Protein backbone atom coordinates (compact mmCIF):
# COMPACT_ATOMS: atom_id res chain seq x y z
CA MET A 1 98.83 63.51 112.72
CA ASN A 2 96.53 66.57 114.50
CA ILE A 3 96.57 69.84 112.28
CA THR A 4 95.04 73.07 113.06
CA VAL A 5 94.47 75.27 110.10
CA CYS A 6 93.65 78.91 110.75
CA VAL A 7 90.94 80.34 108.23
CA LYS A 8 89.42 83.57 107.42
CA ARG A 9 86.23 84.80 106.44
CA VAL A 10 86.60 87.25 103.47
CA PRO A 11 84.40 89.14 100.86
CA ASP A 12 84.04 86.64 97.59
CA THR A 13 86.43 87.98 95.05
CA ALA A 14 83.62 88.66 92.90
CA THR A 15 81.86 90.76 95.26
CA ARG A 16 81.49 94.41 94.33
CA ILE A 17 83.20 96.34 97.08
CA ARG A 18 81.73 99.58 98.15
CA ILE A 19 83.16 102.08 100.73
CA ALA A 20 81.04 102.89 103.52
CA ASP A 21 79.67 106.34 104.28
CA ASP A 22 82.31 106.91 107.11
CA GLY A 23 85.15 105.78 104.58
CA ARG A 24 86.96 103.48 106.98
CA GLY A 25 85.11 100.09 106.02
CA ILE A 26 82.75 98.71 103.43
CA MET A 27 79.46 98.58 103.13
CA GLN A 28 77.94 95.25 104.17
CA ASP A 29 74.60 95.16 102.16
CA GLY A 30 74.83 92.40 99.44
CA VAL A 31 78.39 91.35 99.85
CA LYS A 32 78.79 87.35 99.94
CA TYR A 33 81.45 86.06 102.49
CA VAL A 34 83.27 82.88 101.69
CA LEU A 35 86.79 81.02 102.56
CA SER A 36 89.83 82.73 101.73
CA PRO A 37 90.82 81.00 98.66
CA TYR A 38 94.63 80.70 99.93
CA ASP A 39 93.15 78.70 103.13
CA GLU A 40 91.40 76.24 101.00
CA PHE A 41 94.76 75.07 100.17
CA ALA A 42 95.43 74.78 103.61
CA VAL A 43 92.59 72.72 104.40
CA GLU A 44 93.53 70.44 101.36
CA ALA A 45 97.12 70.27 102.69
CA ALA A 46 95.87 69.55 106.10
CA LEU A 47 93.37 66.92 104.81
CA GLN A 48 95.86 65.05 102.74
CA LEU A 49 98.34 64.85 105.50
CA VAL A 50 96.17 63.25 107.89
CA GLU A 51 94.34 60.97 105.28
CA ALA A 52 98.50 59.95 104.64
CA ALA A 53 99.06 59.37 107.98
CA GLY A 54 96.05 56.97 108.43
CA GLU A 55 95.05 58.93 111.57
CA GLY A 56 94.54 62.15 113.23
CA GLN A 57 91.93 64.87 112.66
CA VAL A 58 92.12 68.46 111.26
CA THR A 59 90.77 71.25 113.60
CA LEU A 60 89.65 74.75 111.68
CA LEU A 61 90.48 78.08 113.99
CA SER A 62 89.03 81.42 113.25
CA TYR A 63 88.80 84.93 114.72
CA GLY A 64 85.59 86.68 113.35
CA PRO A 65 82.04 87.87 113.97
CA PRO A 66 79.29 85.13 114.65
CA ALA A 67 78.47 85.01 110.93
CA THR A 68 81.95 83.44 110.55
CA ALA A 69 80.60 80.29 112.07
CA GLU A 70 78.75 79.80 108.31
CA THR A 71 82.03 79.81 106.52
CA LEU A 72 83.60 77.25 109.22
CA ARG A 73 80.64 74.83 108.12
CA SER A 74 81.99 75.18 104.84
CA GLY A 75 85.44 73.99 105.61
CA LEU A 76 83.64 71.34 107.71
CA ALA A 77 81.82 69.94 104.65
CA LEU A 78 85.61 69.43 102.74
CA GLY A 79 86.11 66.96 105.62
CA ALA A 80 87.81 68.95 108.33
CA HIS A 81 86.54 67.49 111.94
CA ARG A 82 85.92 70.11 113.86
CA ALA A 83 86.11 74.08 114.10
CA VAL A 84 86.62 76.54 116.77
CA LEU A 85 85.40 80.08 116.35
CA LEU A 86 87.01 83.10 118.35
CA THR A 87 84.16 85.64 118.44
CA GLY A 88 85.25 89.15 118.12
CA GLU A 89 85.72 91.77 115.46
CA PRO A 90 89.39 91.81 114.06
CA ASP A 91 90.82 94.95 112.09
CA MET A 92 93.75 95.27 109.96
CA ASP A 93 96.21 95.02 112.43
CA GLY A 94 97.97 91.53 111.87
CA TRP A 95 99.79 91.36 115.01
CA ALA A 96 96.81 91.83 117.07
CA THR A 97 95.26 88.81 115.04
CA ALA A 98 98.18 86.46 115.48
CA GLN A 99 97.90 87.31 119.27
CA VAL A 100 94.45 86.34 119.33
CA LEU A 101 95.02 83.03 117.40
CA ALA A 102 98.12 82.39 119.20
CA SER A 103 96.56 82.43 122.54
CA GLU A 104 94.29 79.36 121.37
CA LEU A 105 96.98 77.40 119.99
CA ALA A 106 99.11 77.85 123.14
CA GLY A 107 98.06 74.94 124.79
CA SER A 108 97.76 72.73 121.60
CA ASP A 109 100.16 69.61 120.86
CA ASP A 110 99.19 69.54 117.23
CA ALA A 111 101.82 68.44 115.15
CA LEU A 112 101.36 71.23 112.59
CA VAL A 113 99.54 74.63 112.35
CA LEU A 114 98.85 75.96 108.42
CA PHE A 115 97.66 79.09 107.35
CA GLY A 116 97.19 80.06 103.57
CA ILE A 117 100.10 82.35 102.34
CA LYS A 118 97.82 85.41 102.68
CA ALA A 119 94.01 86.40 103.01
CA VAL A 120 92.48 87.73 99.75
CA ASP A 121 91.29 90.71 101.44
CA ASP A 122 94.12 92.41 103.36
CA ASP A 123 97.14 90.61 101.68
CA GLN A 124 99.69 91.04 104.12
CA GLN A 125 100.74 87.52 104.74
CA GLN A 126 102.21 88.30 108.09
CA VAL A 127 99.91 86.71 110.30
CA GLY A 128 101.17 82.89 110.01
CA PRO A 129 104.77 83.61 110.80
CA MET A 130 103.58 85.98 113.57
CA VAL A 131 102.00 83.15 115.20
CA ALA A 132 104.95 80.95 114.72
CA GLU A 133 107.13 83.57 116.79
CA LEU A 134 104.48 83.85 119.32
CA LEU A 135 104.43 79.66 119.83
CA GLY A 136 107.90 79.23 119.30
CA ARG A 137 107.88 77.40 116.43
CA PRO A 138 109.76 76.76 113.22
CA CYS A 139 107.80 78.12 110.34
CA ALA A 140 108.04 77.78 106.30
CA THR A 141 106.26 80.02 104.23
CA ALA A 142 104.87 79.69 100.58
CA VAL A 143 104.81 76.19 100.85
CA ALA A 144 103.57 74.62 97.64
CA ALA A 145 103.91 70.67 98.75
CA MET A 146 104.60 68.80 101.83
CA ASP A 147 105.72 65.77 102.81
CA VAL A 148 105.77 64.46 106.60
CA GLU A 149 107.94 61.75 108.27
CA GLY A 150 109.42 60.53 111.58
CA GLY A 151 108.97 64.05 112.96
CA VAL A 152 110.14 66.04 110.58
CA ALA A 153 108.29 68.21 107.91
CA THR A 154 109.70 68.35 104.32
CA CYS A 155 108.55 71.46 102.64
CA ARG A 156 109.04 72.90 99.15
CA ARG A 157 108.76 76.36 98.88
CA ALA A 158 107.51 78.31 95.79
CA VAL A 159 110.53 80.68 94.99
CA GLU A 160 111.29 82.94 91.79
CA GLY A 161 112.71 80.69 89.24
CA GLY A 162 112.06 77.28 91.16
CA GLN A 163 111.32 75.64 94.22
CA GLU A 164 113.35 75.65 97.73
CA VAL A 165 113.34 72.51 99.95
CA VAL A 166 113.05 73.57 103.40
CA GLU A 167 112.80 70.77 106.64
CA MET A 168 111.36 71.64 109.95
CA ASP A 169 111.07 69.54 113.32
CA LEU A 170 107.67 69.03 114.57
CA PRO A 171 105.78 70.91 115.62
CA ALA A 172 105.71 73.58 113.40
CA VAL A 173 103.76 76.45 111.45
CA ALA A 174 103.57 76.81 107.40
CA THR A 175 101.84 79.10 104.91
CA VAL A 176 100.37 77.42 102.08
CA THR A 177 99.88 78.36 98.66
CA LYS A 178 99.03 77.00 95.31
CA GLY A 179 101.28 73.95 93.91
CA ARG A 180 100.05 70.22 95.19
CA TYR A 181 97.03 71.15 97.10
CA GLU A 182 93.92 71.33 94.36
CA PRO A 183 90.91 72.44 96.84
CA ARG A 184 88.41 69.22 96.84
CA TYR A 185 84.47 69.98 96.40
CA ALA A 186 82.00 69.44 99.58
CA SER A 187 80.08 66.76 98.57
CA LEU A 188 76.51 66.48 99.18
CA ARG A 189 77.03 63.78 102.33
CA GLY A 190 80.01 66.37 103.68
CA ILE A 191 77.57 69.00 103.58
CA MET A 192 74.91 67.30 105.62
CA MET A 193 77.69 65.82 108.00
CA ALA A 194 78.88 69.41 108.59
CA LYS A 195 75.81 70.48 110.39
CA ARG A 196 76.64 67.89 112.98
CA LYS A 197 80.39 68.32 113.33
CA PRO A 198 81.53 70.36 116.56
CA LEU A 199 82.02 73.88 116.27
CA VAL A 200 82.72 75.57 119.57
CA GLU A 201 82.30 79.13 119.67
CA LYS A 202 83.87 81.50 122.52
CA PRO A 203 84.82 84.68 123.06
CA ALA A 204 88.01 86.13 121.71
CA PRO A 205 90.55 87.32 124.20
CA GLU A 206 90.84 90.94 124.00
CA VAL A 207 93.95 92.56 122.28
CA GLU A 208 94.36 96.09 121.75
CA SER A 209 94.81 97.22 118.21
CA GLY A 210 98.23 99.08 117.36
CA LEU A 211 96.60 100.12 113.79
CA VAL A 212 93.73 102.84 112.63
CA VAL A 213 92.65 102.79 109.25
CA GLU A 214 91.98 106.38 108.22
CA ALA A 215 90.83 106.27 104.90
CA LEU A 216 89.54 103.74 102.26
CA THR A 217 89.70 105.11 98.70
CA TYR A 218 88.96 103.67 95.15
CA PRO A 219 91.59 102.91 92.88
CA PRO A 220 92.24 106.03 90.41
CA GLU A 221 90.62 105.98 87.14
CA ARG A 222 92.20 105.00 84.24
CA PRO A 223 93.29 107.31 81.93
CA ASP A 224 91.93 107.10 78.33
CA GLY A 225 94.49 105.37 75.76
CA ARG A 226 95.71 107.50 72.72
CA ILE A 227 97.02 106.33 69.57
CA VAL A 228 100.77 107.21 68.65
CA GLY A 229 100.77 106.68 65.38
CA GLU A 230 100.16 103.31 63.04
CA GLY A 231 102.32 100.45 61.83
CA VAL A 232 106.15 100.21 62.28
CA ASP A 233 106.65 104.49 62.18
CA ALA A 234 104.82 104.29 65.63
CA VAL A 235 107.57 102.06 67.38
CA ALA A 236 109.96 104.77 68.51
CA GLU A 237 107.40 106.94 69.58
CA LEU A 238 105.35 104.20 71.57
CA VAL A 239 108.98 102.95 72.98
CA ARG A 240 109.78 106.84 73.78
CA LEU A 241 106.38 107.21 75.96
CA LEU A 242 106.89 103.57 77.51
CA ARG A 243 110.18 104.88 78.94
CA GLU A 244 109.82 108.87 79.94
CA GLU A 245 106.12 108.47 80.77
CA ALA A 246 105.09 105.45 81.63
CA LYS A 247 108.57 104.37 83.14
CA VAL A 248 108.18 100.85 82.54
CA LEU A 249 111.27 100.47 80.47
């Protein structure tokens, strides 16, 4: 079984983000970039499926600047077999990104194309389904567990209050969320082997973006808290404020 996992290079969630002087991007100084955490679930899912099949390979595919190669090496260290980097400067337009990725995947006969359910920087949750549409493949989103047998993928989707079971004929596309797939740690041997695994870099096709970022702003400052009273006598006033001011009741 051959599987391609589309991954993204994102700022570490522990990194303090500062808006650039032009107000349309972030300052790069001191920003640590990592493999998007939800993509790690997808990589783990691919590795487990290939291991269960007893044959096949996992390919990582990414669209980003040349520095993304370092992030792909971290994915290779986890056990992926090869990587492809489409070099370019993606923006917030998920449709443009989907077209770039689909152009590379169009000639692939891999049984599955996996994504993390979302990237932690833009939180759009749309590139995976868009790629599936462009490829003409069925797609399941928010997959917490997956089993493949006889050319059919049985996916358990995380939905409110439980799970939904979906079956798809292969080849197919899925976006993976936290569930069965707890990402493994890279071993020292894996890190050393990653340096010798094939990583192909080639220019991404030019796709016109339909989205323009006008401005980035910081979240508003939290207002100072206030004491509305003490003990049980304050309950009625607290409930009134939650209903009338905060509008959370």
